[in-house]
Amino acid sequence: MTPERLLVITTFASLIARGAAFTHSHFSSAPPADCSANNERLSASVTIKTSLCSHNDHRQFTSDLDTSLEWLAKERQDNDDNYPIEWLDAQHLTSENIDIIDKEEILRVPLYPLPAVYTPHSGENHTIVNTEPRNVQMARDLVAGKWGDRSLFCVTLRARDTHRLASVGTLMRLIDTEDRSIAGARTWPGNILPTLNRVVVTCQAVGIVDIVNVENGHTSLAESEYRVVNVKLRSFTNEATKGKTEEMDSMTHQIVTDYQKVRSTYINSQSLASNELPKFARKAVHELPDLNKLDDELDYWKLVDTWQVLCNTIRQAKQTQLQGVINEISVQVAMEAKGPLELPVKRRNLPEHVQKQLEEMEQQASADYVELGMEPILDFQEIISMKDSLDRVRKLAAMMKRERARLEAKESLIRAFLSELE
């Protein structure tokens, strides 16, 4: 396939996927019209038709495609495929909650809120880089044995917009740490800089927990203090899924079939799905395992972990592409301004109408990304929140079916487009 032909295909696919046509027009230097007009905006590489003018402040996306948003989770509940996520306010979780549960079932562990979800039982190691003083202190306390020989802690999703916590989290076991802190660094004139704390933690997700209460939820924490929670570990038995029910057998078979189809589409060098990803993302999807069975709970959780890896890879690819466009536009506008070019270009120094257009681009890109259906946070929070294995299988089946249908529709449109060119 020639580069020119691939460029035409990629351009057409982008139009299909995002409703945006790629062009080489110069960025508009004129102030934008009234938002209600919903006019098209021209940039150095993209024309966007935005419909975000009606968004309220509390329903704003982030600029980095982060979907750890409570408003988005609640909005998704209108879809029958989505499971409600329960959110908690740490300050309102009192010690009274613990009295209604057998205290022998309770684990007392450090709390690590993150804008991420970790799925258990896959056996895979996870890496968490700690730079905030409280997280660095937590890692050091775990290594020092303050929390017992098992070195357990709880990771739970924290909503980026409300800062509330998901009521269901993941129990993590620390495996190893590496202190990469930098001390004694100096500025160019020779002034000593503060120590840069950086502790890298390797851990495994070993179970799902329900948060009962936050012991120090009412108190204001010092910079190096962290929250402590009491949690109840959900029981886990590696039950067989094969032969459990006719519906389960049908769904697990469809999951494996859909996964194999999605995987083969992404690793096929001639497919659009592969070619629209950057090189680092293509390499990552080529390493997706060839899973061909779903016989028990462990098989299920391994596949969930693999699917989340794919979702994270796609998000990183979309982030890279979006940031590339934003940087290109920012530099071009800065070069057209009078005076010397200052690098890196700071957005606050750009004209206000340009800043607004860049924000609209980020909002539209985030909306398109969510519409893609491959986000690595809320879907997986729903999965760990579910208590019934059949519900979890249904959820994963719906996620894979949706992505397979999207890829097949895109490839079909491309084939039709190419036949018109011949």
Foldseek 3Di string as FASTA:
>chain_A
DDPVVLVVLLQVLCCVLQVKGWDQDDFDPDFDDDVVVQDWGDHRTIIDRFDCPPDDPLPFDDLQLQPLAPVVQVVCVVDPLFDHWDWAQQQPQEPVLPVVDDCVQKAKAFEDEDSFADFALLPDKDKDKDFFQQVLLLVVCLVVQVRHDQSKHWYFYARPSPRITTQKTFIKGWDDKDWPKDFQDADPVGHGDHIGTIMMTIIHGHFMWGWRHWHCSNDDDDRRHGIMTMIGTDDDDWAWQPPPDPVSPVLQQLLLVLVQLLLCQCQPPPHSNVVNFDPVLSVQSVPQDNDRGDTTDSSVSSVLVSLLSNLVSVSVRLSVVLVVSVQVRQQSQQVPDDDDRDPPRDLVPGDPSVSVVSSSSSRSSSVSSVVLLSHNHSLVSRLSVDDDPVSNSSSSSVSSVSNSVVRVVSRVVSVVVVVVVD
